[in-house]
mmCIF file of all heavy atoms, coordinates in Angstrom:
data_MODEL
# 
_entry.id   MODEL 
# 
loop_
_atom_site.group_PDB 
_atom_site.id 
_atom_site.type_symbol 
_atom_site.label_atom_id 
_atom_site.label_alt_id 
_atom_site.label_comp_id 
_atom_site.label_asym_id 
_atom_site.label_entity_id 
_atom_site.label_seq_id 
_atom_site.pdbx_PDB_ins_code 
_atom_site.Cartn_x 
_atom_site.Cartn_y 
_atom_site.Cartn_z 
_atom_site.occupancy 
_atom_site.B_iso_or_equiv 
_atom_site.pdbx_formal_charge 
_atom_site.auth_seq_id 
_atom_site.auth_comp_id 
_atom_site.auth_asym_id 
_atom_site.auth_atom_id 
_atom_site.pdbx_PDB_model_num 
ATOM 1   N N   . GLY A 1 1  ? 108.697 102.228 75.317  1.00 0.00 ? 1  GLY A N   1 
ATOM 2   C CA  . GLY A 1 1  ? 109.740 101.627 76.133  1.00 0.00 ? 1  GLY A CA  1 
ATOM 3   C C   . GLY A 1 1  ? 110.301 102.648 77.111  1.00 0.00 ? 1  GLY A C   1 
ATOM 4   O O   . GLY A 1 1  ? 110.104 103.852 76.957  1.00 0.00 ? 1  GLY A O   1 
ATOM 5   N N   . PHE A 1 2  ? 110.988 102.154 78.113  1.00 0.00 ? 2  PHE A N   1 
ATOM 6   C CA  . PHE A 1 2  ? 111.551 103.019 79.145  1.00 0.00 ? 2  PHE A CA  1 
ATOM 7   C C   . PHE A 1 2  ? 113.008 103.332 78.867  1.00 0.00 ? 2  PHE A C   1 
ATOM 8   O O   . PHE A 1 2  ? 113.768 102.472 78.432  1.00 0.00 ? 2  PHE A O   1 
ATOM 9   C CB  . PHE A 1 2  ? 111.462 102.344 80.522  1.00 0.00 ? 2  PHE A CB  1 
ATOM 10  C CG  . PHE A 1 2  ? 110.063 102.141 80.990  1.00 0.00 ? 2  PHE A CG  1 
ATOM 11  C CD1 . PHE A 1 2  ? 109.507 100.875 81.004  1.00 0.00 ? 2  PHE A CD1 1 
ATOM 12  C CD2 . PHE A 1 2  ? 109.299 103.211 81.410  1.00 0.00 ? 2  PHE A CD2 1 
ATOM 13  C CE1 . PHE A 1 2  ? 108.209 100.675 81.432  1.00 0.00 ? 2  PHE A CE1 1 
ATOM 14  C CE2 . PHE A 1 2  ? 108.004 103.025 81.843  1.00 0.00 ? 2  PHE A CE2 1 
ATOM 15  C CZ  . PHE A 1 2  ? 107.462 101.753 81.854  1.00 0.00 ? 2  PHE A CZ  1 
ATOM 16  N N   . ASP A 1 3  ? 113.394 104.556 79.155  1.00 0.00 ? 3  ASP A N   1 
ATOM 17  C CA  . ASP A 1 3  ? 114.780 104.969 79.139  1.00 0.00 ? 3  ASP A CA  1 
ATOM 18  C C   . ASP A 1 3  ? 115.257 104.877 80.586  1.00 0.00 ? 3  ASP A C   1 
ATOM 19  O O   . ASP A 1 3  ? 114.982 105.760 81.402  1.00 0.00 ? 3  ASP A O   1 
ATOM 20  C CB  . ASP A 1 3  ? 114.889 106.390 78.596  1.00 0.00 ? 3  ASP A CB  1 
ATOM 21  C CG  . ASP A 1 3  ? 116.310 106.795 78.301  1.00 0.00 ? 3  ASP A CG  1 
ATOM 22  O OD1 . ASP A 1 3  ? 117.243 106.014 78.593  1.00 0.00 ? 3  ASP A OD1 1 
ATOM 23  O OD2 . ASP A 1 3  ? 116.498 107.904 77.770  1.00 0.00 ? 3  ASP A OD2 1 
ATOM 24  N N   . VAL A 1 4  ? 115.913 103.774 80.933  1.00 0.00 ? 4  VAL A N   1 
ATOM 25  C CA  . VAL A 1 4  ? 116.177 103.468 82.340  1.00 0.00 ? 4  VAL A CA  1 
ATOM 26  C C   . VAL A 1 4  ? 117.233 104.363 82.992  1.00 0.00 ? 4  VAL A C   1 
ATOM 27  O O   . VAL A 1 4  ? 117.151 104.618 84.194  1.00 0.00 ? 4  VAL A O   1 
ATOM 28  C CB  . VAL A 1 4  ? 116.514 101.978 82.564  1.00 0.00 ? 4  VAL A CB  1 
ATOM 29  C CG1 . VAL A 1 4  ? 115.338 101.107 82.219  1.00 0.00 ? 4  VAL A CG1 1 
ATOM 30  C CG2 . VAL A 1 4  ? 117.740 101.551 81.813  1.00 0.00 ? 4  VAL A CG2 1 
ATOM 31  N N   . ARG A 1 5  ? 118.206 104.838 82.244  1.00 0.00 ? 5  ARG A N   1 
ATOM 32  C CA  . ARG A 1 5  ? 119.266 105.655 82.866  1.00 0.00 ? 5  ARG A CA  1 
ATOM 33  C C   . ARG A 1 5  ? 118.691 106.930 83.504  1.00 0.00 ? 5  ARG A C   1 
ATOM 34  O O   . ARG A 1 5  ? 118.980 107.213 84.672  1.00 0.00 ? 5  ARG A O   1 
ATOM 35  C CB  . ARG A 1 5  ? 120.357 106.001 81.858  1.00 0.00 ? 5  ARG A CB  1 
ATOM 36  C CG  . ARG A 1 5  ? 121.476 106.819 82.515  1.00 0.00 ? 5  ARG A CG  1 
ATOM 37  C CD  . ARG A 1 5  ? 122.662 107.001 81.625  1.00 0.00 ? 5  ARG A CD  1 
ATOM 38  N NE  . ARG A 1 5  ? 123.276 105.695 81.424  1.00 0.00 ? 5  ARG A NE  1 
ATOM 39  C CZ  . ARG A 1 5  ? 123.831 105.320 80.277  1.00 0.00 ? 5  ARG A CZ  1 
ATOM 40  N NH1 . ARG A 1 5  ? 123.854 106.111 79.245  1.00 0.00 ? 5  ARG A NH1 1 
ATOM 41  N NH2 . ARG A 1 5  ? 124.373 104.118 80.167  1.00 0.00 ? 5  ARG A NH2 1 
ATOM 42  N N   . PRO A 1 6  ? 117.864 107.701 82.798  1.00 0.00 ? 6  PRO A N   1 
ATOM 43  C CA  . PRO A 1 6  ? 117.298 108.882 83.469  1.00 0.00 ? 6  PRO A CA  1 
ATOM 44  C C   . PRO A 1 6  ? 116.326 108.528 84.602  1.00 0.00 ? 6  PRO A C   1 
ATOM 45  O O   . PRO A 1 6  ? 116.181 109.301 85.547  1.00 0.00 ? 6  PRO A O   1 
ATOM 46  C CB  . PRO A 1 6  ? 116.567 109.638 82.363  1.00 0.00 ? 6  PRO A CB  1 
ATOM 47  C CG  . PRO A 1 6  ? 116.942 109.013 81.082  1.00 0.00 ? 6  PRO A CG  1 
ATOM 48  C CD  . PRO A 1 6  ? 117.586 107.699 81.376  1.00 0.00 ? 6  PRO A CD  1 
ATOM 49  N N   . ILE A 1 7  ? 115.683 107.370 84.520  1.00 0.00 ? 7  ILE A N   1 
ATOM 50  C CA  . ILE A 1 7  ? 114.823 106.940 85.623  1.00 0.00 ? 7  ILE A CA  1 
ATOM 51  C C   . ILE A 1 7  ? 115.690 106.705 86.865  1.00 0.00 ? 7  ILE A C   1 
ATOM 52  O O   . ILE A 1 7  ? 115.343 107.129 87.966  1.00 0.00 ? 7  ILE A O   1 
ATOM 53  C CB  . ILE A 1 7  ? 114.010 105.682 85.253  1.00 0.00 ? 7  ILE A CB  1 
ATOM 54  C CG1 . ILE A 1 7  ? 112.987 106.021 84.162  1.00 0.00 ? 7  ILE A CG1 1 
ATOM 55  C CG2 . ILE A 1 7  ? 113.312 105.095 86.482  1.00 0.00 ? 7  ILE A CG2 1 
ATOM 56  C CD1 . ILE A 1 7  ? 112.269 104.817 83.590  1.00 0.00 ? 7  ILE A CD1 1 
ATOM 57  N N   . ARG A 1 8  ? 116.819 106.046 86.687  1.00 0.00 ? 8  ARG A N   1 
ATOM 58  C CA  . ARG A 1 8  ? 117.749 105.816 87.804  1.00 0.00 ? 8  ARG A CA  1 
ATOM 59  C C   . ARG A 1 8  ? 118.200 107.139 88.404  1.00 0.00 ? 8  ARG A C   1 
ATOM 60  O O   . ARG A 1 8  ? 118.223 107.320 89.620  1.00 0.00 ? 8  ARG A O   1 
ATOM 61  C CB  . ARG A 1 8  ? 118.960 105.034 87.303  1.00 0.00 ? 8  ARG A CB  1 
ATOM 62  C CG  . ARG A 1 8  ? 120.098 105.022 88.319  1.00 0.00 ? 8  ARG A CG  1 
ATOM 63  C CD  . ARG A 1 8  ? 120.204 103.718 88.974  1.00 0.00 ? 8  ARG A CD  1 
ATOM 64  N NE  . ARG A 1 8  ? 119.906 103.746 90.372  1.00 0.00 ? 8  ARG A NE  1 
ATOM 65  C CZ  . ARG A 1 8  ? 119.684 102.658 91.079  1.00 0.00 ? 8  ARG A CZ  1 
ATOM 66  N NH1 . ARG A 1 8  ? 119.671 101.497 90.495  1.00 0.00 ? 8  ARG A NH1 1 
ATOM 67  N NH2 . ARG A 1 8  ? 119.455 102.706 92.348  1.00 0.00 ? 8  ARG A NH2 1 
ATOM 68  N N   . GLU A 1 9  ? 118.556 108.092 87.535  1.00 0.00 ? 9  GLU A N   1 
ATOM 69  C CA  . GLU A 1 9  ? 119.005 109.402 88.011  1.00 0.00 ? 9  GLU A CA  1 
ATOM 70  C C   . GLU A 1 9  ? 117.897 110.111 88.785  1.00 0.00 ? 9  GLU A C   1 
ATOM 71  O O   . GLU A 1 9  ? 118.160 110.739 89.814  1.00 0.00 ? 9  GLU A O   1 
ATOM 72  C CB  . GLU A 1 9  ? 119.490 110.248 86.837  1.00 0.00 ? 9  GLU A CB  1 
ATOM 73  C CG  . GLU A 1 9  ? 120.761 109.711 86.208  1.00 0.00 ? 9  GLU A CG  1 
ATOM 74  C CD  . GLU A 1 9  ? 121.095 110.344 84.857  1.00 0.00 ? 9  GLU A CD  1 
ATOM 75  O OE1 . GLU A 1 9  ? 120.348 111.240 84.397  1.00 0.00 ? 9  GLU A OE1 1 
ATOM 76  O OE2 . GLU A 1 9  ? 122.108 109.937 84.258  1.00 0.00 ? 9  GLU A OE2 1 
ATOM 77  N N   . ALA A 1 10 ? 116.668 110.015 88.289  1.00 0.00 ? 10 ALA A N   1 
ATOM 78  C CA  . ALA A 1 10 ? 115.538 110.652 88.970  1.00 0.00 ? 10 ALA A CA  1 
ATOM 79  C C   . ALA A 1 10 ? 115.282 110.012 90.330  1.00 0.00 ? 10 ALA A C   1 
ATOM 80  O O   . ALA A 1 10 ? 115.016 110.715 91.316  1.00 0.00 ? 10 ALA A O   1 
ATOM 81  C CB  . ALA A 1 10 ? 114.284 110.578 88.101  1.00 0.00 ? 10 ALA A CB  1 
ATOM 82  N N   . ILE A 1 11 ? 115.364 108.687 90.402  1.00 0.00 ? 11 ILE A N   1 
ATOM 83  C CA  . ILE A 1 11 ? 115.182 108.000 91.686  1.00 0.00 ? 11 ILE A CA  1 
ATOM 84  C C   . ILE A 1 11 ? 116.278 108.417 92.656  1.00 0.00 ? 11 ILE A C   1 
ATOM 85  O O   . ILE A 1 11 ? 116.011 108.769 93.806  1.00 0.00 ? 11 ILE A O   1 
ATOM 86  C CB  . ILE A 1 11 ? 115.152 106.468 91.493  1.00 0.00 ? 11 ILE A CB  1 
ATOM 87  C CG1 . ILE A 1 11 ? 113.839 106.056 90.813  1.00 0.00 ? 11 ILE A CG1 1 
ATOM 88  C CG2 . ILE A 1 11 ? 115.307 105.746 92.840  1.00 0.00 ? 11 ILE A CG2 1 
ATOM 89  C CD1 . ILE A 1 11 ? 113.791 104.609 90.385  1.00 0.00 ? 11 ILE A CD1 1 
ATOM 90  N N   . ASP A 1 12 ? 117.524 108.410 92.183  1.00 0.00 ? 12 ASP A N   1 
ATOM 91  C CA  . ASP A 1 12 ? 118.652 108.768 93.047  1.00 0.00 ? 12 ASP A CA  1 
ATOM 92  C C   . ASP A 1 12 ? 118.570 110.204 93.554  1.00 0.00 ? 12 ASP A C   1 
ATOM 93  O O   . ASP A 1 12 ? 119.021 110.499 94.660  1.00 0.00 ? 12 ASP A O   1 
ATOM 94  C CB  . ASP A 1 12 ? 119.975 108.546 92.320  1.00 0.00 ? 12 ASP A CB  1 
ATOM 95  C CG  . ASP A 1 12 ? 120.316 107.078 92.129  1.00 0.00 ? 12 ASP A CG  1 
ATOM 96  O OD1 . ASP A 1 12 ? 119.680 106.224 92.798  1.00 0.00 ? 12 ASP A OD1 1 
ATOM 97  O OD2 . ASP A 1 12 ? 121.202 106.783 91.306  1.00 0.00 ? 12 ASP A OD2 1 
ATOM 98  N N   . SER A 1 13 ? 117.997 111.103 92.750  1.00 0.00 ? 13 SER A N   1 
ATOM 99  C CA  . SER A 1 13 ? 117.913 112.511 93.148  1.00 0.00 ? 13 SER A CA  1 
ATOM 100 C C   . SER A 1 13 ? 116.618 112.840 93.893  1.00 0.00 ? 13 SER A C   1 
ATOM 101 O O   . SER A 1 13 ? 116.373 113.993 94.229  1.00 0.00 ? 13 SER A O   1 
ATOM 102 C CB  . SER A 1 13 ? 118.048 113.412 91.923  1.00 0.00 ? 13 SER A CB  1 
ATOM 103 O OG  . SER A 1 13 ? 116.908 113.278 91.085  1.00 0.00 ? 13 SER A OG  1 
ATOM 104 N N   . GLY A 1 14 ? 115.777 111.839 94.141  1.00 0.00 ? 14 GLY A N   1 
ATOM 105 C CA  . GLY A 1 14 ? 114.537 112.068 94.870  1.00 0.00 ? 14 GLY A CA  1 
ATOM 106 C C   . GLY A 1 14 ? 113.361 112.477 94.004  1.00 0.00 ? 14 GLY A C   1 
ATOM 107 O O   . GLY A 1 14 ? 112.311 112.864 94.526  1.00 0.00 ? 14 GLY A O   1 
ATOM 108 N N   . GLY A 1 15 ? 113.502 112.375 92.695  1.00 0.00 ? 15 GLY A N   1 
ATOM 109 C CA  . GLY A 1 15 ? 112.435 112.775 91.784  1.00 0.00 ? 15 GLY A CA  1 
ATOM 110 C C   . GLY A 1 15 ? 111.172 111.935 91.871  1.00 0.00 ? 15 GLY A C   1 
ATOM 111 O O   . GLY A 1 15 ? 110.107 112.360 91.416  1.00 0.00 ? 15 GLY A O   1 
ATOM 112 N N   . PHE A 1 16 ? 111.287 110.753 92.449  1.00 0.00 ? 16 PHE A N   1 
ATOM 113 C CA  . PHE A 1 16 ? 110.116 109.896 92.653  1.00 0.00 ? 16 PHE A CA  1 
ATOM 114 C C   . PHE A 1 16 ? 109.719 109.837 94.131  1.00 0.00 ? 16 PHE A C   1 
ATOM 115 O O   . PHE A 1 16 ? 108.927 109.003 94.534  1.00 0.00 ? 16 PHE A O   1 
ATOM 116 C CB  . PHE A 1 16 ? 110.389 108.478 92.137  1.00 0.00 ? 16 PHE A CB  1 
ATOM 117 C CG  . PHE A 1 16 ? 110.352 108.368 90.639  1.00 0.00 ? 16 PHE A CG  1 
ATOM 118 C CD1 . PHE A 1 16 ? 111.508 108.523 89.889  1.00 0.00 ? 16 PHE A CD1 1 
ATOM 119 C CD2 . PHE A 1 16 ? 109.164 108.119 89.973  1.00 0.00 ? 16 PHE A CD2 1 
ATOM 120 C CE1 . PHE A 1 16 ? 111.485 108.423 88.510  1.00 0.00 ? 16 PHE A CE1 1 
ATOM 121 C CE2 . PHE A 1 16 ? 109.123 108.020 88.590  1.00 0.00 ? 16 PHE A CE2 1 
ATOM 122 C CZ  . PHE A 1 16 ? 110.288 108.170 87.855  1.00 0.00 ? 16 PHE A CZ  1 
ATOM 123 N N   . GLY A 1 17 ? 110.292 110.707 94.935  1.00 0.00 ? 17 GLY A N   1 
ATOM 124 C CA  . GLY A 1 17 ? 109.964 110.763 96.349  1.00 0.00 ? 17 GLY A CA  1 
ATOM 125 C C   . GLY A 1 17 ? 110.869 109.876 97.185  1.00 0.00 ? 17 GLY A C   1 
ATOM 126 O O   . GLY A 1 17 ? 111.825 109.284 96.696  1.00 0.00 ? 17 GLY A O   1 
ATOM 127 N N   . GLU A 1 18 ? 110.540 109.820 98.461  1.00 0.00 ? 18 GLU A N   1 
ATOM 128 C CA  . GLU A 1 18 ? 111.290 109.011 99.417  1.00 0.00 ? 18 GLU A CA  1 
ATOM 129 C C   . GLU A 1 18 ? 111.054 107.526 99.156  1.00 0.00 ? 18 GLU A C   1 
ATOM 130 O O   . GLU A 1 18 ? 110.061 107.144 98.539  1.00 0.00 ? 18 GLU A O   1 
ATOM 131 C CB  . GLU A 1 18 ? 110.845 109.353 100.839 1.00 0.00 ? 18 GLU A CB  1 
ATOM 132 C CG  . GLU A 1 18 ? 111.189 110.771 101.263 1.00 0.00 ? 18 GLU A CG  1 
ATOM 133 C CD  . GLU A 1 18 ? 112.683 111.011 101.321 1.00 0.00 ? 18 GLU A CD  1 
ATOM 134 O OE1 . GLU A 1 18 ? 113.422 110.139 101.834 1.00 0.00 ? 18 GLU A OE1 1 
ATOM 135 O OE2 . GLU A 1 18 ? 113.130 112.065 100.829 1.00 0.00 ? 18 GLU A OE2 1 
ATOM 136 N N   . TRP A 1 19 ? 111.948 106.684 99.716  1.00 0.00 ? 19 TRP A N   1 
ATOM 137 C CA  . TRP A 1 19 ? 111.799 105.242 99.557  1.00 0.00 ? 19 TRP A CA  1 
ATOM 138 C C   . TRP A 1 19 ? 110.462 104.809 100.129 1.00 0.00 ? 19 TRP A C   1 
ATOM 139 O O   . TRP A 1 19 ? 110.027 105.244 101.186 1.00 0.00 ? 19 TRP A O   1 
ATOM 140 C CB  . TRP A 1 19 ? 112.904 104.478 100.286 1.00 0.00 ? 19 TRP A CB  1 
ATOM 141 C CG  . TRP A 1 19 ? 112.843 103.018 99.949  1.00 0.00 ? 19 TRP A CG  1 
ATOM 142 C CD1 . TRP A 1 19 ? 113.561 102.390 98.994  1.00 0.00 ? 19 TRP A CD1 1 
ATOM 143 C CD2 . TRP A 1 19 ? 111.987 102.020 100.529 1.00 0.00 ? 19 TRP A CD2 1 
ATOM 144 N NE1 . TRP A 1 19 ? 113.217 101.059 98.941  1.00 0.00 ? 19 TRP A NE1 1 
ATOM 145 C CE2 . TRP A 1 19 ? 112.244 100.802 99.871  1.00 0.00 ? 19 TRP A CE2 1 
ATOM 146 C CE3 . TRP A 1 19 ? 111.024 102.025 101.516 1.00 0.00 ? 19 TRP A CE3 1 
ATOM 147 C CZ2 . TRP A 1 19 ? 111.596 99.620  100.178 1.00 0.00 ? 19 TRP A CZ2 1 
ATOM 148 C CZ3 . TRP A 1 19 ? 110.367 100.848 101.828 1.00 0.00 ? 19 TRP A CZ3 1 
ATOM 149 C CH2 . TRP A 1 19 ? 110.658 99.656  101.159 1.00 0.00 ? 19 TRP A CH2 1 
ATOM 150 N N   . ARG A 1 20 ? 109.804 103.971 99.390  1.00 0.00 ? 20 ARG A N   1 
ATOM 151 C CA  . ARG A 1 20 ? 108.564 103.332 99.821  1.00 0.00 ? 20 ARG A CA  1 
ATOM 152 C C   . ARG A 1 20 ? 108.430 102.046 99.022  1.00 0.00 ? 20 ARG A C   1 
ATOM 153 O O   . ARG A 1 20 ? 109.175 101.807 98.078  1.00 0.00 ? 20 ARG A O   1 
ATOM 154 C CB  . ARG A 1 20 ? 107.355 104.249 99.631  1.00 0.00 ? 20 ARG A CB  1 
ATOM 155 C CG  . ARG A 1 20 ? 107.133 104.671 98.180  1.00 0.00 ? 20 ARG A CG  1 
ATOM 156 C CD  . ARG A 1 20 ? 106.119 105.814 98.083  1.00 0.00 ? 20 ARG A CD  1 
ATOM 157 N NE  . ARG A 1 20 ? 105.793 106.111 96.714  1.00 0.00 ? 20 ARG A NE  1 
ATOM 158 C CZ  . ARG A 1 20 ? 106.542 106.796 95.866  1.00 0.00 ? 20 ARG A CZ  1 
ATOM 159 N NH1 . ARG A 1 20 ? 107.720 107.264 96.254  1.00 0.00 ? 20 ARG A NH1 1 
ATOM 160 N NH2 . ARG A 1 20 ? 106.154 107.018 94.635  1.00 0.00 ? 20 ARG A NH2 1 
ATOM 161 N N   . GLU A 1 21 ? 107.490 101.246 99.398  1.00 0.00 ? 21 GLU A N   1 
ATOM 162 C CA  . GLU A 1 21 ? 107.322 99.947  98.756  1.00 0.00 ? 21 GLU A CA  1 
ATOM 163 C C   . GLU A 1 21 ? 107.086 100.070 97.249  1.00 0.00 ? 21 GLU A C   1 
ATOM 164 O O   . GLU A 1 21 ? 107.651 99.322  96.461  1.00 0.00 ? 21 GLU A O   1 
ATOM 165 C CB  . GLU A 1 21 ? 106.161 99.205  99.424  1.00 0.00 ? 21 GLU A CB  1 
ATOM 166 C CG  . GLU A 1 21 ? 106.371 97.737  99.428  1.00 0.00 ? 21 GLU A CG  1 
ATOM 167 C CD  . GLU A 1 21 ? 105.446 96.997  100.382 1.00 0.00 ? 21 GLU A CD  1 
ATOM 168 O OE1 . GLU A 1 21 ? 105.135 97.490  101.472 1.00 0.00 ? 21 GLU A OE1 1 
ATOM 169 O OE2 . GLU A 1 21 ? 105.063 95.889  100.002 1.00 0.00 ? 21 GLU A OE2 1 
ATOM 170 N N   . ASP A 1 22 ? 106.268 101.028 96.853  1.00 0.00 ? 22 ASP A N   1 
ATOM 171 C CA  . ASP A 1 22 ? 105.988 101.219 95.425  1.00 0.00 ? 22 ASP A CA  1 
ATOM 172 C C   . ASP A 1 22 ? 107.260 101.535 94.644  1.00 0.00 ? 22 ASP A C   1 
ATOM 173 O O   . ASP A 1 22 ? 107.446 101.080 93.523  1.00 0.00 ? 22 ASP A O   1 
ATOM 174 C CB  . ASP A 1 22 ? 104.980 102.349 95.209  1.00 0.00 ? 22 ASP A CB  1 
ATOM 175 C CG  . ASP A 1 22 ? 103.622 102.048 95.804  1.00 0.00 ? 22 ASP A CG  1 
ATOM 176 O OD1 . ASP A 1 22 ? 103.305 100.854 96.000  1.00 0.00 ? 22 ASP A OD1 1 
ATOM 177 O OD2 . ASP A 1 22 ? 102.878 103.001 96.075  1.00 0.00 ? 22 ASP A OD2 1 
ATOM 178 N N   . LEU A 1 23 ? 108.132 102.318 95.239  1.00 0.00 ? 23 LEU A N   1 
ATOM 179 C CA  . LEU A 1 23 ? 109.382 102.670 94.575  1.00 0.00 ? 23 LEU A CA  1 
ATOM 180 C C   . LEU A 1 23 ? 110.292 101.445 94.448  1.00 0.00 ? 23 LEU A C   1 
ATOM 181 O O   . LEU A 1 23 ? 110.958 101.269 93.428  1.00 0.00 ? 23 LEU A O   1 
ATOM 182 C CB  . LEU A 1 23 ? 110.090 103.791 95.341  1.00 0.00 ? 23 LEU A CB  1 
ATOM 183 C CG  . LEU A 1 23 ? 111.310 104.399 94.670  1.00 0.00 ? 23 LEU A CG  1 
ATOM 184 C CD1 . LEU A 1 23 ? 110.977 104.932 93.276  1.00 0.00 ? 23 LEU A CD1 1 
ATOM 185 C CD2 . LEU A 1 23 ? 111.873 105.514 95.537  1.00 0.00 ? 23 LEU A CD2 1 
ATOM 186 N N   . ALA A 1 24 ? 110.289 100.583 95.450  1.00 0.00 ? 24 ALA A N   1 
ATOM 187 C CA  . ALA A 1 24 ? 111.082 99.353  95.382  1.00 0.00 ? 24 ALA A CA  1 
ATOM 188 C C   . ALA A 1 24 ? 110.600 98.477  94.223  1.00 0.00 ? 24 ALA A C   1 
ATOM 189 O O   . ALA A 1 24 ? 111.410 97.909  93.486  1.00 0.00 ? 24 ALA A O   1 
ATOM 190 C CB  . ALA A 1 24 ? 110.997 98.592  96.699  1.00 0.00 ? 24 ALA A CB  1 
ATOM 191 N N   . VAL A 1 25 ? 109.277 98.384  94.036  1.00 0.00 ? 25 VAL A N   1 
ATOM 192 C CA  . VAL A 1 25 ? 108.733 97.601  92.924  1.00 0.00 ? 25 VAL A CA  1 
ATOM 193 C C   . VAL A 1 25 ? 109.165 98.215  91.598  1.00 0.00 ? 25 VAL A C   1 
ATOM 194 O O   . VAL A 1 25 ? 109.565 97.500  90.670  1.00 0.00 ? 25 VAL A O   1 
ATOM 195 C CB  . VAL A 1 25 ? 107.192 97.494  93.023  1.00 0.00 ? 25 VAL A CB  1 
ATOM 196 C CG1 . VAL A 1 25 ? 106.599 96.867  91.770  1.00 0.00 ? 25 VAL A CG1 1 
ATOM 197 C CG2 . VAL A 1 25 ? 106.802 96.696  94.263  1.00 0.00 ? 25 VAL A CG2 1 
ATOM 198 N N   . LEU A 1 26 ? 109.118 99.531  91.488  1.00 0.00 ? 26 LEU A N   1 
ATOM 199 C CA  . LEU A 1 26 ? 109.578 100.194 90.262  1.00 0.00 ? 26 LEU A CA  1 
ATOM 200 C C   . LEU A 1 26 ? 111.051 99.894  89.994  1.00 0.00 ? 26 LEU A C   1 
ATOM 201 O O   . LEU A 1 26 ? 111.438 99.609  88.858  1.00 0.00 ? 26 LEU A O   1 
ATOM 202 C CB  . LEU A 1 26 ? 109.355 101.701 90.354  1.00 0.00 ? 26 LEU A CB  1 
ATOM 203 C CG  . LEU A 1 26 ? 109.879 102.527 89.173  1.00 0.00 ? 26 LEU A CG  1 
ATOM 204 C CD1 . LEU A 1 26 ? 109.172 102.146 87.874  1.00 0.00 ? 26 LEU A CD1 1 
ATOM 205 C CD2 . LEU A 1 26 ? 109.729 104.016 89.459  1.00 0.00 ? 26 LEU A CD2 1 
ATOM 206 N N   . MET A 1 27 ? 111.859 99.923  91.033  1.00 0.00 ? 27 MET A N   1 
ATOM 207 C CA  . MET A 1 27 ? 113.288 99.645  90.870  1.00 0.00 ? 27 MET A CA  1 
ATOM 208 C C   . MET A 1 27 ? 113.527 98.218  90.379  1.00 0.00 ? 27 MET A C   1 
ATOM 209 O O   . MET A 1 27 ? 114.371 97.996  89.498  1.00 0.00 ? 27 MET A O   1 
ATOM 210 C CB  . MET A 1 27 ? 114.024 99.917  92.184  1.00 0.00 ? 27 MET A CB  1 
ATOM 211 C CG  . MET A 1 27 ? 114.057 101.388 92.536  1.00 0.00 ? 27 MET A CG  1 
ATOM 212 S SD  . MET A 1 27 ? 114.693 101.722 94.196  1.00 0.00 ? 27 MET A SD  1 
ATOM 213 C CE  . MET A 1 27 ? 116.394 101.211 94.020  1.00 0.00 ? 27 MET A CE  1 
# 
């Protein structure tokens, strides 16, 4: 299962890169 809070923090801090379509699907 996913631990969503740290995923959110990583997205917000750029840990998954700049916004792109793939990132929107992950969100």
